[in-house]
N, C-alpha and C. Protein backbone atom coordinates (compact mmCIF):
# COMPACT_ATOMS: atom_id res chain seq x y z
N THR A 1 -159.73 -13.36 -135.63
CA THR A 1 -158.79 -14.44 -136.19
C THR A 1 -159.39 -15.75 -136.06
N THR A 2 -158.78 -16.61 -136.91
CA THR A 2 -159.21 -18.03 -136.95
C THR A 2 -159.04 -18.76 -135.66
N THR A 3 -158.18 -18.39 -134.79
CA THR A 3 -157.68 -19.03 -133.66
C THR A 3 -158.46 -18.56 -132.51
N GLY A 4 -159.20 -17.35 -132.61
CA GLY A 4 -160.04 -16.80 -131.41
C GLY A 4 -158.96 -16.12 -130.57
N LEU A 5 -157.77 -15.94 -130.92
CA LEU A 5 -156.84 -15.22 -129.99
C LEU A 5 -156.60 -13.75 -130.53
N SER A 6 -156.36 -12.87 -129.46
CA SER A 6 -156.29 -11.45 -129.83
C SER A 6 -154.92 -10.78 -129.53
N VAL A 7 -154.50 -9.86 -130.28
CA VAL A 7 -153.33 -9.04 -130.12
C VAL A 7 -153.72 -7.55 -130.42
N THR A 8 -152.92 -6.75 -129.87
CA THR A 8 -153.17 -5.34 -130.00
C THR A 8 -151.78 -4.70 -130.31
N GLY A 9 -151.74 -3.55 -130.95
CA GLY A 9 -150.50 -2.88 -131.35
C GLY A 9 -150.64 -1.70 -132.11
N GLY A 10 -149.66 -0.94 -132.18
CA GLY A 10 -149.58 0.33 -133.05
C GLY A 10 -148.25 0.84 -133.18
N VAL A 11 -148.23 2.02 -134.07
CA VAL A 11 -147.07 2.68 -134.24
C VAL A 11 -147.36 4.18 -134.03
N ILE A 12 -146.32 4.80 -133.48
CA ILE A 12 -146.42 6.31 -133.10
C ILE A 12 -145.44 7.00 -133.84
N TRP A 13 -146.05 7.95 -134.63
CA TRP A 13 -145.27 8.81 -135.47
C TRP A 13 -145.19 10.22 -134.87
N ASP A 14 -144.22 11.06 -135.34
CA ASP A 14 -144.23 12.51 -135.00
C ASP A 14 -144.93 13.26 -135.94
N GLU A 15 -144.96 14.60 -135.73
CA GLU A 15 -145.78 15.41 -136.61
C GLU A 15 -145.35 15.60 -138.13
N THR A 16 -144.07 14.94 -138.36
CA THR A 16 -143.55 15.08 -139.77
C THR A 16 -143.72 13.61 -140.22
N GLY A 17 -144.20 12.57 -139.70
CA GLY A 17 -144.39 11.33 -140.13
C GLY A 17 -143.28 10.36 -139.92
N LYS A 18 -142.26 10.92 -139.02
CA LYS A 18 -141.19 10.01 -138.77
C LYS A 18 -141.59 9.03 -137.69
N TRP A 19 -141.21 7.76 -137.90
CA TRP A 19 -141.58 6.67 -136.78
C TRP A 19 -140.83 6.94 -135.65
N LEU A 20 -141.61 6.77 -134.39
CA LEU A 20 -140.96 6.98 -133.16
C LEU A 20 -140.89 5.72 -132.46
N LEU A 21 -141.88 4.89 -132.40
CA LEU A 21 -141.87 3.53 -131.76
C LEU A 21 -143.08 2.82 -132.08
N GLY A 22 -142.94 1.49 -131.75
CA GLY A 22 -143.98 0.60 -132.03
C GLY A 22 -144.20 -0.17 -130.79
N TYR A 23 -145.49 -0.72 -130.65
CA TYR A 23 -145.65 -1.49 -129.46
C TYR A 23 -146.75 -2.59 -129.89
N ASN A 24 -146.75 -3.71 -129.01
CA ASN A 24 -147.66 -4.73 -129.20
C ASN A 24 -148.11 -5.45 -127.94
N ARG A 25 -149.02 -6.17 -127.84
CA ARG A 25 -149.36 -7.02 -126.73
C ARG A 25 -150.16 -8.28 -127.01
N PHE A 26 -149.84 -9.35 -126.69
CA PHE A 26 -150.71 -10.61 -126.84
C PHE A 26 -151.77 -10.54 -125.75
N LEU A 27 -153.03 -10.78 -125.98
CA LEU A 27 -154.12 -10.69 -125.05
C LEU A 27 -154.73 -12.13 -124.90
N GLY A 28 -154.52 -13.05 -125.82
CA GLY A 28 -155.23 -14.37 -125.72
C GLY A 28 -156.65 -14.25 -126.08
N LYS A 29 -157.50 -15.08 -125.57
CA LYS A 29 -158.93 -14.81 -125.81
C LYS A 29 -159.63 -13.67 -125.13
N CYS A 30 -160.33 -12.87 -125.88
CA CYS A 30 -161.12 -11.63 -125.32
C CYS A 30 -161.93 -11.10 -126.22
N LEU A 31 -162.71 -10.22 -125.85
CA LEU A 31 -163.70 -9.52 -126.81
C LEU A 31 -162.99 -8.40 -127.53
N VAL A 32 -163.38 -7.83 -128.56
CA VAL A 32 -162.88 -6.80 -129.26
C VAL A 32 -162.89 -5.45 -128.49
N PHE A 33 -163.83 -5.42 -127.59
CA PHE A 33 -163.89 -4.23 -126.80
C PHE A 33 -162.70 -4.21 -125.81
N ASP A 34 -162.42 -5.43 -125.34
CA ASP A 34 -161.13 -5.47 -124.39
C ASP A 34 -159.97 -5.14 -125.14
N THR A 35 -159.87 -5.60 -126.44
CA THR A 35 -158.71 -5.22 -127.24
C THR A 35 -158.57 -3.90 -127.48
N GLU A 36 -159.63 -3.26 -127.67
CA GLU A 36 -159.57 -1.76 -127.94
C GLU A 36 -159.14 -0.87 -126.72
N LEU A 37 -159.68 -1.40 -125.48
CA LEU A 37 -159.28 -0.78 -124.33
C LEU A 37 -157.76 -0.88 -124.03
N TRP A 38 -157.25 -2.05 -124.14
CA TRP A 38 -155.84 -2.34 -124.01
C TRP A 38 -155.01 -1.54 -125.15
N ASP A 39 -155.46 -1.34 -126.25
CA ASP A 39 -154.76 -0.55 -127.31
C ASP A 39 -154.66 0.92 -126.91
N ILE A 40 -155.81 1.43 -126.40
CA ILE A 40 -155.83 2.93 -125.91
C ILE A 40 -154.78 3.01 -124.81
N LEU A 41 -154.78 2.07 -123.82
CA LEU A 41 -153.95 2.12 -122.68
C LEU A 41 -152.47 1.96 -123.07
N ASP A 42 -152.26 1.07 -123.79
CA ASP A 42 -150.82 0.94 -124.30
C ASP A 42 -150.19 2.11 -125.11
N ALA A 43 -151.15 2.66 -125.98
CA ALA A 43 -150.66 3.90 -126.62
C ALA A 43 -150.49 4.98 -125.69
N LYS A 44 -151.36 5.26 -124.73
CA LYS A 44 -151.04 6.25 -123.82
C LYS A 44 -149.72 5.94 -122.95
N MET A 45 -149.66 4.83 -122.63
CA MET A 45 -148.42 4.53 -121.69
C MET A 45 -147.21 4.54 -122.70
N SER A 46 -147.29 4.55 -123.85
CA SER A 46 -146.01 4.45 -124.86
C SER A 46 -145.66 6.10 -124.98
N LEU A 47 -146.63 6.84 -124.70
CA LEU A 47 -146.41 8.42 -124.89
C LEU A 47 -145.90 9.17 -123.58
N THR A 48 -146.01 8.35 -122.54
CA THR A 48 -145.48 9.01 -121.19
C THR A 48 -144.04 9.06 -121.17
N ASN A 49 -143.50 9.74 -120.24
CA ASN A 49 -142.09 9.85 -119.94
C ASN A 49 -141.72 8.65 -119.20
N ASP A 50 -140.36 8.29 -119.38
CA ASP A 50 -139.97 6.95 -118.87
C ASP A 50 -140.18 7.07 -117.23
N GLU A 51 -139.95 8.17 -116.75
CA GLU A 51 -140.07 8.21 -115.17
C GLU A 51 -141.53 8.09 -114.72
N ASP A 52 -142.34 8.38 -115.68
CA ASP A 52 -143.88 8.26 -115.29
C ASP A 52 -144.53 6.90 -115.72
N LEU A 53 -143.67 6.04 -116.58
CA LEU A 53 -144.24 4.73 -117.00
C LEU A 53 -144.49 3.77 -115.77
N CYS A 54 -145.56 3.21 -116.03
CA CYS A 54 -145.94 2.17 -114.97
C CYS A 54 -146.48 0.98 -115.86
N MET A 55 -145.91 -0.11 -115.54
CA MET A 55 -146.15 -1.41 -116.15
C MET A 55 -147.02 -2.32 -115.26
N PHE A 56 -148.02 -2.95 -115.87
CA PHE A 56 -148.86 -3.87 -114.97
C PHE A 56 -149.51 -4.99 -115.91
N ASP A 57 -149.72 -6.03 -115.29
CA ASP A 57 -150.16 -7.25 -116.08
C ASP A 57 -151.75 -7.27 -116.18
N SER A 58 -152.45 -6.52 -115.34
CA SER A 58 -153.92 -6.32 -115.51
C SER A 58 -154.32 -4.86 -115.50
N PRO A 59 -155.49 -4.57 -116.15
CA PRO A 59 -155.85 -3.15 -116.23
C PRO A 59 -156.30 -2.54 -114.84
N PRO A 60 -156.26 -1.18 -114.76
CA PRO A 60 -156.65 -0.57 -113.63
C PRO A 60 -158.07 -0.90 -113.37
N VAL A 61 -158.38 -0.72 -111.91
CA VAL A 61 -159.69 -1.10 -111.30
C VAL A 61 -160.91 -0.48 -112.29
N GLU A 62 -160.80 0.78 -112.79
CA GLU A 62 -161.87 1.36 -113.48
C GLU A 62 -162.09 0.52 -114.83
N ILE A 63 -160.97 0.14 -115.56
CA ILE A 63 -161.20 -0.59 -116.84
C ILE A 63 -161.60 -1.76 -116.39
N GLN A 64 -161.28 -2.47 -115.28
CA GLN A 64 -161.66 -3.91 -114.95
C GLN A 64 -163.22 -3.88 -114.83
N VAL A 65 -163.80 -2.84 -114.25
CA VAL A 65 -165.19 -2.66 -113.99
C VAL A 65 -165.99 -2.61 -115.48
N ILE A 66 -165.43 -1.74 -116.35
CA ILE A 66 -166.04 -1.73 -117.60
C ILE A 66 -165.95 -3.01 -118.29
N LEU A 67 -164.82 -3.72 -118.24
CA LEU A 67 -164.77 -5.07 -118.83
C LEU A 67 -165.55 -6.08 -118.19
N LYS A 68 -165.84 -6.00 -116.96
CA LYS A 68 -166.70 -6.99 -116.30
C LYS A 68 -168.27 -6.77 -116.79
N GLU A 69 -168.53 -5.43 -116.88
CA GLU A 69 -169.90 -5.05 -117.26
C GLU A 69 -170.09 -5.55 -118.78
N ASP A 70 -168.95 -5.41 -119.62
CA ASP A 70 -169.11 -5.77 -121.03
C ASP A 70 -169.31 -7.29 -121.13
N ARG A 71 -168.49 -8.03 -120.31
CA ARG A 71 -168.61 -9.48 -120.45
C ARG A 71 -169.81 -10.00 -119.94
N ASP A 72 -170.46 -9.36 -118.86
CA ASP A 72 -171.68 -9.82 -118.28
C ASP A 72 -172.78 -9.65 -119.30
N SER A 73 -172.77 -8.62 -120.30
CA SER A 73 -173.76 -8.42 -121.16
C SER A 73 -173.53 -9.47 -122.52
N TYR A 74 -172.56 -10.19 -122.52
CA TYR A 74 -172.41 -11.19 -123.66
C TYR A 74 -172.37 -12.58 -123.25
N ILE A 75 -172.80 -13.49 -124.17
CA ILE A 75 -172.53 -14.84 -123.80
C ILE A 75 -171.38 -15.36 -124.65
N LEU A 76 -170.27 -15.84 -124.08
CA LEU A 76 -169.08 -16.21 -124.88
C LEU A 76 -169.16 -17.64 -125.22
């Protein structure tokens, strides 16, 4: 974007093409790689049962390691 801010989101349909739900998340300034990881995570969380749903403000440790490695390889 021209502002340098990132968002992610998507729509989930059933096998007949019926819209089930939509989701989105404002990420602020981040790399495209970060945005893609959040998109994957949000999509997977959207597909879990409500009793299994876990919300958090930062990614799990495994994803944090990947994000740190990715950031260290780029100059922002």
